[in-house]
Amino acid sequence: MKIIEVIESRHYRNTITNNTASLYGAVPWQNASEAENWIIETRGYTWRLDDGTIGLGRQPVKTKSEAIEIMNIFNQKRNI
């Protein structure tokens, strides 16, 4: 398994309740009127792996440079 890309970590956020939900599951609303309360926000950077997995099971990092550094360390450990 190898990280192939650093990507923005994006999620849905409800503008009324501030609840959040993943973009990779079902939509968090049940009808069109509820959908108006949900927006997509970016909250840092995460990783895409070569098997299609998004993330490493950890919180996103704040900067792209930090994410690239983690990617390089992760990939180096996998080449051992």
C-alpha atoms as a PDB file:
ATOM      1  CA  MET A   1       0.000   0.000   0.000  1.00  0.00           C
ATOM      2  CA  LYS A   2       1.343   3.399  -0.987  1.00  0.00           C
ATOM      3  CA  ILE A   3       0.098   7.001  -0.812  1.00  0.00           C
ATOM      4  CA  ILE A   4      -0.248   8.316  -4.339  1.00  0.00           C
ATOM      5  CA  GLU A   5      -1.703  11.769  -3.743  1.00  0.00           C
ATOM      6  CA  VAL A   6      -2.277  14.525  -1.180  1.00  0.00           C
ATOM      7  CA  ILE A   7      -5.856  15.821  -1.452  1.00  0.00           C
ATOM      8  CA  GLU A   8      -8.053  18.342   0.323  1.00  0.00           C
ATOM      9  CA  SER A   9     -10.030  16.886   3.211  1.00  0.00           C
ATOM     10  CA  ARG A  10     -13.615  17.876   2.493  1.00  0.00           C
ATOM     11  CA  HIS A  11     -16.832  17.154   4.355  1.00  0.00           C
ATOM     12  CA  TYR A  12     -20.469  18.214   4.561  1.00  0.00           C
ATOM     13  CA  ARG A  13     -21.368  20.666   7.356  1.00  0.00           C
ATOM     14  CA  ASN A  14     -24.867  21.638   8.437  1.00  0.00           C
ATOM     15  CA  THR A  15     -25.030  25.434   8.678  1.00  0.00           C
ATOM     16  CA  ILE A  16     -27.672  25.278  11.414  1.00  0.00           C
ATOM     17  CA  THR A  17     -26.481  22.462  13.692  1.00  0.00           C
ATOM     18  CA  ASN A  18     -22.776  22.367  12.693  1.00  0.00           C
ATOM     19  CA  ASN A  19     -23.035  18.575  12.372  1.00  0.00           C
ATOM     20  CA  THR A  20     -20.596  17.094   9.870  1.00  0.00           C
ATOM     21  CA  ALA A  21     -20.712  14.076   7.571  1.00  0.00           C
ATOM     22  CA  SER A  22     -18.383  12.325   5.174  1.00  0.00           C
ATOM     23  CA  LEU A  23     -18.570  12.971   1.443  1.00  0.00           C
ATOM     24  CA  TYR A  24     -17.925   9.269   0.868  1.00  0.00           C
ATOM     25  CA  GLY A  25     -21.137   7.913   2.404  1.00  0.00           C
ATOM     26  CA  ALA A  26     -24.817   8.619   1.897  1.00  0.00           C
ATOM     27  CA  VAL A  27     -25.902  12.264   1.787  1.00  0.00           C
ATOM     28  CA  PRO A  28     -26.817  13.488   5.283  1.00  0.00           C
ATOM     29  CA  TRP A  29     -30.171  15.022   4.339  1.00  0.00           C
ATOM     30  CA  GLN A  30     -33.524  13.352   3.733  1.00  0.00           C
ATOM     31  CA  ASN A  31     -35.243  15.856   1.452  1.00  0.00           C
ATOM     32  CA  ALA A  32     -34.573  18.914  -0.716  1.00  0.00           C
ATOM     33  CA  SER A  33     -35.390  21.437   2.013  1.00  0.00           C
ATOM     34  CA  GLU A  34     -32.855  19.837   4.388  1.00  0.00           C
ATOM     35  CA  ALA A  35     -30.248  19.768   1.610  1.00  0.00           C
ATOM     36  CA  GLU A  36     -30.194  23.575   1.586  1.00  0.00           C
ATOM     37  CA  ASN A  37     -28.665  23.523   5.098  1.00  0.00           C
ATOM     38  CA  TRP A  38     -25.638  21.436   4.082  1.00  0.00           C
ATOM     39  CA  ILE A  39     -22.464  22.865   2.551  1.00  0.00           C
ATOM     40  CA  ILE A  40     -19.139  21.291   1.576  1.00  0.00           C
ATOM     41  CA  GLU A  41     -16.126  22.580   3.486  1.00  0.00           C
ATOM     42  CA  THR A  42     -12.407  21.929   3.311  1.00  0.00           C
ATOM     43  CA  ARG A  43     -10.701  21.250   6.630  1.00  0.00           C
ATOM     44  CA  GLY A  44      -7.100  20.506   5.730  1.00  0.00           C
ATOM     45  CA  TYR A  45      -5.341  17.803   3.738  1.00  0.00           C
ATOM     46  CA  THR A  46      -5.504  14.025   3.658  1.00  0.00           C
ATOM     47  CA  TRP A  47      -4.183  11.230   1.443  1.00  0.00           C
ATOM     48  CA  ARG A  48      -5.354   8.963  -1.376  1.00  0.00           C
ATOM     49  CA  LEU A  49      -3.801   5.496  -1.383  1.00  0.00           C
ATOM     50  CA  ASP A  50      -3.107   3.330  -4.413  1.00  0.00           C
ATOM     51  CA  ASP A  51      -6.016   1.014  -3.525  1.00  0.00           C
ATOM     52  CA  GLY A  52      -8.516   3.912  -3.606  1.00  0.00           C
ATOM     53  CA  THR A  53      -8.677   4.413   0.159  1.00  0.00           C
ATOM     54  CA  ILE A  54      -9.024   8.015   1.342  1.00  0.00           C
ATOM     55  CA  GLY A  55      -7.185   8.870   4.555  1.00  0.00           C
ATOM     56  CA  LEU A  56      -4.879   7.025   6.922  1.00  0.00           C
ATOM     57  CA  GLY A  57      -7.251   6.623   9.861  1.00  0.00           C
ATOM     58  CA  ARG A  58      -6.064   9.875  11.391  1.00  0.00           C
ATOM     59  CA  GLN A  59      -7.162  13.490  11.443  1.00  0.00           C
ATOM     60  CA  PRO A  60      -6.361  15.627   8.395  1.00  0.00           C
ATOM     61  CA  VAL A  61      -3.369  17.936   8.701  1.00  0.00           C
ATOM     62  CA  LYS A  62      -3.582  21.715   8.323  1.00  0.00           C
ATOM     63  CA  THR A  63      -1.054  22.298   5.555  1.00  0.00           C
ATOM     64  CA  LYS A  64      -0.246  20.632   2.265  1.00  0.00           C
ATOM     65  CA  SER A  65       3.470  20.667   3.063  1.00  0.00           C
ATOM     66  CA  GLU A  66       2.822  18.720   6.291  1.00  0.00           C
ATOM     67  CA  ALA A  67       0.732  16.202   4.350  1.00  0.00           C
ATOM     68  CA  ILE A  68       3.499  15.771   1.767  1.00  0.00           C
ATOM     69  CA  GLU A  69       6.043  15.178   4.531  1.00  0.00           C
ATOM     70  CA  ILE A  70       3.820  12.490   6.090  1.00  0.00           C
ATOM     71  CA  MET A  71       3.286  10.928   2.635  1.00  0.00           C
ATOM     72  CA  ASN A  72       7.040  10.733   2.039  1.00  0.00           C
ATOM     73  CA  ILE A  73       7.698   9.135   5.454  1.00  0.00           C
ATOM     74  CA  PHE A  74       4.805   6.681   5.003  1.00  0.00           C
ATOM     75  CA  ASN A  75       5.972   5.638   1.535  1.00  0.00           C
ATOM     76  CA  GLN A  76       9.607   5.284   2.651  1.00  0.00           C
ATOM     77  CA  LYS A  77       8.572   2.915   5.448  1.00  0.00           C
ATOM     78  CA  ARG A  78       6.634   0.803   2.925  1.00  0.00           C
ATOM     79  CA  ASN A  79       9.725   0.402   0.712  1.00  0.00           C
ATOM     80  CA  ILE A  80      11.768  -1.234   3.480  1.00  0.00           C
END
